[in-house]
């Protein structure tokens, strides 16, 4: 008769957990599986991130090489003659322009470059100015640049200010480099003395802080004197530069140049563009130039002749063509790595199951069902694969930051699922290795 103590001891016995037993008896195999999963998931999550960063960098480099003028939107309109042009009018239009950006693109943090300019230039017939060919006098065009003091340093005199009385010379500031080249001195009155409205007085000299700044993209002769040749006779050369007027009396620009023109240049922030949103950027730029945004600008500003032009759409079209041409080549590397990784994982799984063939047949002989063995194999894989997959995905997302994460996470999930199911599927599907019903005969 069985003793009560032995029965109680037998009733208290519980078999050890399968997965825990396997991990304790074969820790190196589990570590190898975890390491292999870590590498595969890391590569799977990292490759989409690398491709995204490469596409963005290629797009931005392509547009940067075009220059800030090629990637800007230029809006122009005639001055408001009905009540006199003011700086506040220019600022109001600039605010309306900025308010309608953001549909796929944005303006650089420094903001738009805007002002007003005389349409025509005038010759400076004053004696003593330098003439390269000894005949042609230098020419001068006038403009107002909003915020020019932030990009220049005043080295002599003062910035022009105050309204211009009829018959008085227009106060201007010129660059020091242009003054030295053309031989202009501070306080000089330049122009045609016989026509009082066609004279200017130099009240200040300035130097440009950084000529390469996008602020000066379409204003090359504002910071220096440009040597130009006549279109009719290439042998005729003359100097040309710009004079900057104050914002108190913009009507002087029309007096000097017969007509004046207001302008607003919006440098598009190329560094904020993304390769996967090129279609959205193209639609946004087209809408801003000729679509609903352009119509809204005319209504909001009251400038019926407000028009926007840009070369950016053409560069975006070329960028799309470049992307389409490079895309197949960019996929060769990831496809090759994915294929090699799949083969390595399949071989490693096959070798593991071959090594454990006797163990699995013994389990079936002792009454374990095929489904139960497959579930246990899946549990072993989950304990080793899942922590490694989570760590690998997080590491890839951290090492290669990019706004897009869907492709990386999807690739990581697919690879994790493949690593989890490799052992159970390999054990169940191939006929030559599948452990079937209980073997006949004695064991």
Protein backbone atom coordinates (compact mmCIF):
# COMPACT_ATOMS: atom_id res chain seq x y z
CA UNK A 1 0.00 0.00 0.00
CA UNK A 2 1.33 3.41 -0.92
CA UNK A 3 2.19 5.60 2.01
CA UNK A 4 0.43 8.98 2.40
CA UNK A 5 3.71 10.80 2.42
CA UNK A 6 4.72 9.31 -0.91
CA UNK A 7 1.33 10.10 -2.44
CA UNK A 8 1.53 13.71 -1.30
CA UNK A 9 5.02 14.03 -2.71
CA UNK A 10 3.88 12.51 -5.98
CA UNK A 11 0.89 14.88 -6.13
CA UNK A 12 3.09 17.92 -5.56
CA UNK A 13 5.41 17.13 -8.48
CA UNK A 14 5.13 19.51 -11.44
CA UNK A 15 7.13 19.07 -14.70
CA UNK A 16 9.55 21.87 -15.63
CA UNK A 17 8.56 24.34 -18.31
CA UNK A 18 9.67 23.33 -21.81
CA UNK A 19 11.11 26.66 -22.91
CA UNK A 20 12.89 27.28 -19.65
CA UNK A 21 14.42 23.79 -19.77
CA UNK A 22 15.61 24.29 -23.34
CA UNK A 23 17.18 27.66 -22.52
CA UNK A 24 19.00 26.21 -19.53
CA UNK A 25 20.28 23.15 -21.39
CA UNK A 26 21.22 24.96 -24.64
CA UNK A 27 21.91 28.66 -23.84
CA UNK A 28 24.39 29.13 -26.68
CA UNK A 29 21.86 28.05 -29.26
CA UNK A 30 19.37 30.60 -27.90
CA UNK A 31 22.02 33.33 -27.91
CA UNK A 32 22.96 32.46 -31.49
CA UNK A 33 19.31 32.70 -32.54
CA UNK A 34 18.95 36.04 -30.75
CA UNK A 35 22.12 37.41 -32.35
CA UNK A 36 21.05 36.32 -35.81
CA UNK A 37 17.62 37.90 -35.32
CA UNK A 38 19.24 41.10 -34.02
CA UNK A 39 21.37 41.47 -37.13
CA UNK A 40 18.59 40.61 -39.58
CA UNK A 41 15.97 42.91 -38.04
CA UNK A 42 18.52 45.71 -37.69
CA UNK A 43 19.35 45.48 -41.39
CA UNK A 44 15.68 45.22 -42.35
CA UNK A 45 14.73 48.31 -40.33
CA UNK A 46 17.83 50.25 -41.26
CA UNK A 47 17.80 49.91 -45.03
CA UNK A 48 14.56 51.89 -45.59
CA UNK A 49 15.88 54.61 -43.32
CA UNK A 50 19.18 54.78 -45.19
CA UNK A 51 17.41 54.90 -48.55
CA UNK A 52 15.10 57.68 -47.34
CA UNK A 53 18.00 59.74 -46.03
CA UNK A 54 19.93 59.19 -49.25
CA UNK A 55 16.98 60.26 -51.39
CA UNK A 56 16.43 63.39 -49.29
CA UNK A 57 20.12 64.29 -49.39
CA UNK A 58 20.27 63.79 -53.18
CA UNK A 59 17.23 66.02 -53.69
CA UNK A 60 18.59 68.78 -51.47
CA UNK A 61 22.06 68.65 -53.02
CA UNK A 62 20.52 68.84 -56.49
CA UNK A 63 18.48 71.93 -55.59
CA UNK A 64 21.32 73.56 -53.65
CA UNK A 65 23.53 73.25 -56.72
CA UNK A 66 20.94 75.19 -58.72
CA UNK A 67 21.36 78.20 -56.40
CA UNK A 68 18.92 80.22 -54.27
CA UNK A 69 17.62 82.27 -57.18
CA UNK A 70 16.57 79.13 -59.06
CA UNK A 71 14.67 77.79 -56.05
CA UNK A 72 12.84 81.00 -55.14
CA UNK A 73 9.40 82.35 -55.97
CA UNK A 74 9.44 85.91 -57.32
CA UNK A 75 6.28 88.00 -57.04
CA UNK A 76 6.07 91.43 -58.67
CA UNK A 77 3.48 94.19 -58.92
CA UNK A 78 3.23 97.86 -59.74
CA UNK A 79 3.27 100.34 -56.82
CA UNK A 80 0.07 101.63 -55.26
CA UNK A 81 -0.14 105.01 -56.96
CA UNK A 82 -3.61 105.80 -55.66
CA UNK A 83 -2.44 106.70 -52.16
CA UNK A 84 1.34 106.57 -52.34
CA UNK A 85 3.58 103.57 -51.74
CA UNK A 86 4.77 102.90 -48.18
CA UNK A 87 6.92 100.29 -46.50
CA UNK A 88 3.83 99.10 -44.63
CA UNK A 89 2.25 98.18 -47.97
CA UNK A 90 5.24 96.04 -48.88
CA UNK A 91 5.21 94.34 -45.48
CA UNK A 92 1.49 93.62 -45.77
CA UNK A 93 1.92 91.85 -49.09
CA UNK A 94 4.89 89.89 -47.73
CA UNK A 95 2.73 88.70 -44.84
CA UNK A 96 -0.01 87.56 -47.22
CA UNK A 97 2.53 85.67 -49.32
CA UNK A 98 3.94 83.89 -46.29
CA UNK A 99 0.46 83.02 -45.05
CA UNK A 100 -0.23 81.04 -48.22
CA UNK A 101 2.96 78.96 -48.15
CA UNK A 102 3.14 75.65 -46.35
CA UNK A 103 1.31 73.47 -48.91
CA UNK A 104 4.30 71.15 -49.32
CA UNK A 105 6.96 73.85 -49.06
CA UNK A 106 8.07 76.62 -46.73
CA UNK A 107 10.27 79.70 -46.85
CA UNK A 108 13.74 79.85 -45.30
CA UNK A 109 13.72 81.02 -41.66
CA UNK A 110 15.20 84.41 -42.58
CA UNK A 111 11.99 85.12 -44.52
CA UNK A 112 11.29 86.78 -47.86
CA UNK A 113 13.45 89.42 -49.55
CA UNK A 114 11.31 92.33 -50.69
CA UNK A 115 11.42 95.98 -51.63
CA UNK A 116 10.94 98.27 -54.61
CA UNK A 117 13.17 99.29 -57.49
CA UNK A 118 13.34 101.73 -60.36
CA UNK A 119 12.66 100.03 -63.65
CA UNK A 120 15.33 101.93 -65.59
CA UNK A 121 18.85 103.00 -64.80
CA UNK A 122 20.37 106.42 -65.45
CA UNK A 123 23.88 107.45 -66.46
CA UNK A 124 26.01 109.41 -63.99
CA UNK A 125 27.41 112.13 -66.20
CA UNK A 126 29.27 113.76 -63.31
CA UNK A 127 32.90 114.56 -64.09
CA UNK A 128 35.64 112.66 -62.30
CA UNK A 129 33.95 109.25 -62.27
CA UNK A 130 35.84 106.31 -63.73
CA UNK A 131 35.11 105.36 -67.33
CA UNK A 132 36.82 102.14 -68.49
CA UNK A 133 36.73 103.09 -72.17
CA UNK A 134 37.13 106.80 -71.52
CA UNK A 135 33.70 107.59 -72.94
CA UNK A 136 30.77 105.74 -71.36
CA UNK A 137 29.72 107.08 -67.94
CA UNK A 138 28.76 104.68 -65.13
CA UNK A 139 25.08 103.89 -64.68
CA UNK A 140 23.03 103.72 -61.51
CA UNK A 141 19.73 102.11 -60.65
CA UNK A 142 17.91 102.81 -57.40
CA UNK A 143 16.08 100.41 -55.12
CA UNK A 144 14.74 100.01 -51.63
CA UNK A 145 15.67 96.80 -49.79
CA UNK A 146 13.76 95.98 -46.64
CA UNK A 147 16.10 94.94 -43.83
CA UNK A 148 19.32 95.70 -45.70
CA UNK A 149 20.97 96.93 -42.51
CA UNK A 150 20.92 93.36 -41.15
CA UNK A 151 23.12 92.15 -44.01
CA UNK A 152 25.50 95.11 -44.26
CA UNK A 153 27.77 97.27 -42.14
CA UNK A 154 27.60 101.04 -42.46
CA UNK A 155 31.22 102.24 -42.63
CA UNK A 156 30.71 105.97 -43.32
CA UNK A 157 27.90 108.51 -43.24
CA UNK A 158 24.31 107.51 -42.51
CA UNK A 159 21.51 105.57 -44.13
CA UNK A 160 19.22 107.74 -46.28
CA UNK A 161 16.13 108.94 -44.43
CA UNK A 162 13.38 111.49 -44.77
CA UNK A 163 11.19 112.57 -47.65
CA UNK A 164 12.70 114.15 -50.74
CA UNK A 165 11.58 117.72 -51.47
CA UNK A 166 10.90 118.56 -55.11
CA UNK A 167 14.12 119.54 -56.84
CA UNK A 168 16.40 118.11 -54.11
CA UNK A 169 18.81 115.25 -54.85
CA UNK A 170 17.64 111.79 -53.78
CA UNK A 171 19.64 110.57 -50.74
CA UNK A 172 21.21 107.16 -51.35
CA UNK A 173 23.79 104.80 -49.90
CA UNK A 174 26.22 102.85 -52.09
CA UNK A 175 28.62 100.05 -51.33
CA UNK A 176 32.17 100.96 -50.40
CA UNK A 177 33.53 98.60 -53.06
CA UNK A 178 31.50 100.32 -55.80
CA UNK A 179 32.47 103.78 -54.53
CA UNK A 180 36.17 102.93 -54.64
CA UNK A 181 35.86 101.43 -58.12
CA UNK A 182 33.85 104.29 -59.67
CA UNK A 183 35.58 106.97 -57.54
CA UNK A 184 32.48 108.10 -55.67
CA UNK A 185 33.02 110.02 -52.43
CA UNK A 186 30.74 110.49 -49.46
CA UNK A 187 28.58 113.59 -49.95
CA UNK A 188 28.92 113.67 -53.77
CA UNK A 189 25.95 114.85 -55.80
CA UNK A 190 25.77 112.71 -58.91
CA UNK A 191 23.65 112.86 -62.04
CA UNK A 192 22.51 115.46 -64.54
CA UNK A 193 22.70 118.94 -63.01
CA UNK A 194 20.39 120.30 -65.67
CA UNK A 195 17.54 118.06 -64.42
CA UNK A 196 17.16 118.39 -60.62
CA UNK A 197 15.00 115.24 -60.31
CA UNK A 198 17.79 113.18 -61.87
CA UNK A 199 20.37 113.78 -59.17
CA UNK A 200 21.36 111.74 -56.12
CA UNK A 201 23.39 112.56 -53.02
CA UNK A 202 25.60 109.90 -51.41
CA UNK A 203 24.81 109.97 -47.68
CA UNK A 204 26.33 106.63 -46.65
CA UNK A 205 28.79 103.91 -47.59
CA UNK A 206 28.32 100.28 -46.56
CA UNK A 207 29.97 96.90 -46.92
CA UNK A 208 28.17 93.61 -47.49
CA UNK A 209 28.59 91.15 -44.64
CA UNK A 210 28.35 88.01 -46.78
CA UNK A 211 27.97 88.30 -50.54
CA UNK A 212 27.11 84.58 -50.73
CA UNK A 213 24.03 85.05 -48.54
CA UNK A 214 20.76 84.20 -50.37
CA UNK A 215 19.63 87.77 -49.61
CA UNK A 216 21.90 89.00 -52.45
CA UNK A 217 21.05 86.22 -54.93
CA UNK A 218 19.57 88.48 -57.62
CA UNK A 219 21.31 91.70 -56.52
CA UNK A 220 24.92 91.21 -57.67
CA UNK A 221 25.64 94.88 -58.37
CA UNK A 222 24.32 96.10 -55.02
CA UNK A 223 27.46 95.17 -53.12
CA UNK A 224 29.99 96.09 -55.83
CA UNK A 225 30.39 97.70 -59.23
CA UNK A 226 29.77 95.52 -62.29
CA UNK A 227 31.66 96.01 -65.54
CA UNK A 228 29.20 95.73 -68.41
CA UNK A 229 29.50 95.78 -72.18
CA UNK A 230 27.12 97.49 -74.55
CA UNK A 231 24.79 95.20 -76.46
CA UNK A 232 25.29 97.24 -79.62
CA UNK A 233 29.07 97.51 -79.40
CA UNK A 234 31.08 95.01 -77.30
CA UNK A 235 34.01 97.44 -77.26
CA UNK A 236 32.01 99.94 -75.20
CA UNK A 237 32.26 99.21 -71.48
CA UNK A 238 30.95 101.01 -68.43
CA UNK A 239 30.52 100.54 -64.70
CA UNK A 240 27.13 99.86 -63.15
CA UNK A 241 26.02 99.75 -59.52
CA UNK A 242 22.98 100.27 -57.33
CA UNK A 243 22.02 102.99 -54.91
CA UNK A 244 19.87 102.16 -51.90
CA UNK A 245 17.17 104.67 -50.92
CA UNK A 246 15.30 104.98 -47.64
CA UNK A 247 11.75 103.85 -47.06
CA UNK A 248 10.32 107.29 -46.26
CA UNK A 249 9.71 108.34 -49.86
CA UNK A 250 9.48 105.43 -52.29
CA UNK A 251 8.00 107.66 -54.97
CA UNK A 252 11.55 108.83 -55.73
CA UNK A 253 12.16 105.49 -57.42
CA UNK A 254 9.59 106.21 -60.12
CA UNK A 255 11.05 109.70 -60.59
CA UNK A 256 14.50 108.25 -61.21
CA UNK A 257 13.51 105.24 -63.31
CA UNK A 258 10.34 106.54 -65.05
CA UNK A 259 8.54 103.60 -63.44
CA UNK A 260 8.96 101.55 -60.29
CA UNK A 261 8.24 97.96 -59.45
CA UNK A 262 7.58 96.21 -56.14
CA UNK A 263 9.08 92.77 -55.67
CA UNK A 264 8.93 89.95 -53.15
CA UNK A 265 11.31 87.02 -53.42
CA UNK A 266 10.47 83.95 -51.33
CA UNK A 267 13.49 81.61 -51.02
CA UNK A 268 12.09 78.11 -50.64
CA UNK A 269 13.60 76.19 -47.73
CA UNK A 270 15.32 73.42 -49.69
CA UNK A 271 16.55 71.70 -46.53
CA UNK A 272 12.94 71.07 -45.46
CA UNK A 273 11.95 69.28 -48.70
CA UNK A 274 11.47 65.51 -48.70
CA UNK A 275 11.90 63.16 -51.63
CA UNK A 276 8.71 61.24 -50.86
CA UNK A 277 6.62 64.43 -51.02
CA UNK A 278 7.80 65.84 -54.33
CA UNK A 279 4.33 65.50 -55.84
CA UNK A 280 2.87 67.52 -52.96
CA UNK A 281 5.57 70.18 -53.35
CA UNK A 282 4.89 70.48 -57.08
CA UNK A 283 1.16 70.90 -56.48
CA UNK A 284 1.79 73.49 -53.77
CA UNK A 285 4.10 75.57 -55.96
CA UNK A 286 1.73 75.37 -58.93
CA UNK A 287 -1.19 76.47 -56.75
CA UNK A 288 0.84 79.36 -55.39
CA UNK A 289 1.78 80.57 -58.86
CA UNK A 290 -1.43 80.11 -60.88
CA UNK A 291 -3.99 78.33 -58.72
CA UNK A 292 -6.36 79.20 -55.88
CA UNK A 293 -3.56 80.63 -53.74
CA UNK A 294 -2.64 83.11 -56.48
CA UNK A 295 -6.28 84.17 -56.84
CA UNK A 296 -6.57 84.63 -53.10
CA UNK A 297 -3.42 86.77 -53.05
CA UNK A 298 -4.84 89.14 -55.64
CA UNK A 299 -8.04 89.53 -53.64
CA UNK A 300 -6.26 89.93 -50.29
CA UNK A 301 -3.67 92.47 -51.46
CA UNK A 302 -5.72 94.43 -53.96
CA UNK A 303 -2.87 94.10 -56.46
CA UNK A 304 -4.60 92.97 -59.64
CA UNK A 305 -1.29 92.73 -61.49
CA UNK A 306 0.44 90.63 -58.81
CA UNK A 307 2.21 87.77 -60.60
CA UNK A 308 4.53 85.04 -59.38
CA UNK A 309 7.20 83.31 -61.45
CA UNK A 310 9.77 80.67 -60.61
CA UNK A 311 12.12 78.15 -62.18
CA UNK A 312 11.57 75.76 -59.27
CA UNK A 313 8.83 73.66 -60.98
CA UNK A 314 11.21 72.73 -63.79
CA UNK A 315 13.90 71.66 -61.31
CA UNK A 316 11.34 69.60 -59.38
CA UNK A 317 10.31 67.83 -62.59
CA UNK A 318 13.96 66.96 -63.25
CA UNK A 319 14.31 65.72 -59.67
CA UNK A 320 11.36 63.35 -60.20
CA UNK A 321 12.98 61.96 -63.34
CA UNK A 322 16.25 61.45 -61.47
CA UNK A 323 14.45 59.62 -58.69
CA UNK A 324 12.71 57.29 -61.11
CA UNK A 325 16.01 56.49 -62.81
CA UNK A 326 17.88 55.79 -59.57
CA UNK A 327 15.13 53.83 -57.76
CA UNK A 328 15.81 50.40 -59.39
CA UNK A 329 19.53 50.71 -58.70
CA UNK A 330 18.89 51.69 -55.09
CA UNK A 331 16.84 48.53 -54.52
CA UNK A 332 19.56 46.14 -55.70
CA UNK A 333 21.54 46.34 -52.47
CA UNK A 334 18.63 45.81 -50.06
CA UNK A 335 17.22 42.98 -52.20
CA UNK A 336 20.58 41.20 -52.23
CA UNK A 337 21.05 41.58 -48.48
CA UNK A 338 17.50 40.38 -47.81
CA UNK A 339 18.08 37.31 -49.97
CA UNK A 340 21.36 36.44 -48.26
CA UNK A 341 19.83 37.01 -44.82
CA UNK A 342 16.89 34.73 -45.65
CA UNK A 343 19.21 31.97 -46.86
CA UNK A 344 21.38 32.27 -43.74
CA UNK A 345 18.37 32.07 -41.42
CA UNK A 346 16.92 29.10 -43.32
CA UNK A 347 20.23 27.21 -43.22
CA UNK A 348 20.71 27.95 -39.52
CA UNK A 349 17.19 26.70 -38.77
CA UNK A 350 17.68 23.56 -40.87
CA UNK A 351 20.93 22.71 -39.09
CA UNK A 352 19.33 23.25 -35.69
CA UNK A 353 16.39 20.97 -36.47
CA UNK A 354 18.71 18.34 -37.92
CA UNK A 355 20.73 18.38 -34.72
CA UNK A 356 17.55 18.07 -32.67
CA UNK A 357 15.91 15.42 -34.88
CA UNK A 358 16.32 12.61 -32.39
CA UNK A 359 14.93 14.76 -29.59
CA UNK A 360 11.80 15.64 -31.56
CA UNK A 361 11.20 12.01 -32.62
CA UNK A 362 11.49 10.96 -29.00
CA UNK A 363 8.87 13.51 -27.99
CA UNK A 364 6.47 12.14 -30.59
CA UNK A 365 7.16 8.59 -29.45
CA UNK A 366 6.26 9.57 -25.89
CA UNK A 367 2.89 10.90 -26.98
CA UNK A 368 3.46 14.55 -27.86
CA UNK A 369 1.27 15.82 -30.69
CA UNK A 370 2.73 17.48 -33.77
CA UNK A 371 0.91 20.73 -33.01
CA UNK A 372 2.19 20.78 -29.47
CA UNK A 373 5.80 20.32 -30.61
CA UNK A 374 5.41 23.13 -33.17
CA UNK A 375 3.98 25.44 -30.50
CA UNK A 376 6.91 24.69 -28.24
CA UNK A 377 9.36 25.39 -31.04
CA UNK A 378 7.58 28.72 -31.63
CA UNK A 379 7.84 29.53 -27.93
CA UNK A 380 11.59 28.88 -27.98
CA UNK A 381 11.96 31.20 -30.97
CA UNK A 382 9.82 33.92 -29.39
CA UNK A 383 11.90 34.07 -26.22
CA UNK A 384 15.09 34.49 -28.23
CA UNK A 385 13.83 36.55 -31.19
CA UNK A 386 11.36 39.09 -29.80
CA UNK A 387 13.70 40.97 -27.39
CA UNK A 388 16.43 41.05 -30.04
CA UNK A 389 13.96 42.32 -32.68
CA UNK A 390 12.68 45.12 -30.45
CA UNK A 391 16.23 46.21 -29.61
CA UNK A 392 17.31 46.09 -33.26
CA UNK A 393 14.33 48.15 -34.45
CA UNK A 394 14.86 50.80 -31.78
CA UNK A 395 18.58 50.97 -32.60
CA UNK A 396 17.92 51.42 -36.33
CA UNK A 397 15.34 54.16 -35.72
CA UNK A 398 17.77 55.97 -33.43
CA UNK A 399 20.88 55.68 -35.60
CA UNK A 400 19.22 56.90 -38.81
CA UNK A 401 16.68 59.59 -37.93
CA UNK A 402 14.17 60.46 -40.63
CA UNK A 403 10.53 61.60 -40.53
CA UNK A 404 9.40 58.40 -42.23
CA UNK A 405 9.19 55.28 -40.07
CA UNK A 406 6.40 53.17 -41.58
CA UNK A 407 8.59 51.30 -44.07
CA UNK A 408 11.28 50.61 -41.47
CA UNK A 409 8.83 49.26 -38.89
CA UNK A 410 7.00 47.17 -41.51
CA UNK A 411 10.26 45.64 -42.70
CA UNK A 412 11.26 44.91 -39.10
CA UNK A 413 7.90 43.23 -38.38
CA UNK A 414 8.11 41.05 -41.50
CA UNK A 415 11.64 39.98 -40.67
CA UNK A 416 10.70 39.27 -37.04
CA UNK A 417 7.77 37.15 -38.17
CA UNK A 418 10.03 35.27 -40.57
CA UNK A 419 12.53 34.58 -37.77
CA UNK A 420 9.75 33.44 -35.40
CA UNK A 421 8.16 31.04 -37.86
CA UNK A 422 11.33 29.69 -39.45
CA UNK A 423 11.75 26.80 -37.01
CA UNK A 424 8.08 25.68 -36.77
CA UNK A 425 7.52 25.92 -40.52
CA UNK A 426 10.77 24.15 -41.32
CA UNK A 427 9.82 21.36 -38.94
CA UNK A 428 6.30 20.97 -40.30
CA UNK A 429 6.48 21.44 -44.07
CA UNK A 430 9.38 19.51 -45.70
CA UNK A 431 8.29 15.90 -46.16
CA UNK A 432 11.74 14.49 -45.69
CA UNK A 433 12.13 16.06 -42.25
CA UNK A 434 8.57 16.34 -40.98
CA UNK A 435 7.98 14.16 -37.95
CA UNK A 436 4.74 12.32 -38.73
CA UNK A 437 2.68 9.86 -36.71
CA UNK A 438 4.03 7.64 -34.01
CA UNK A 439 6.61 5.22 -35.43
CA UNK A 440 5.79 1.52 -35.65
CA UNK A 441 7.82 -1.12 -33.82
CA UNK A 442 9.54 -1.00 -30.51
CA UNK A 443 11.75 1.86 -29.23
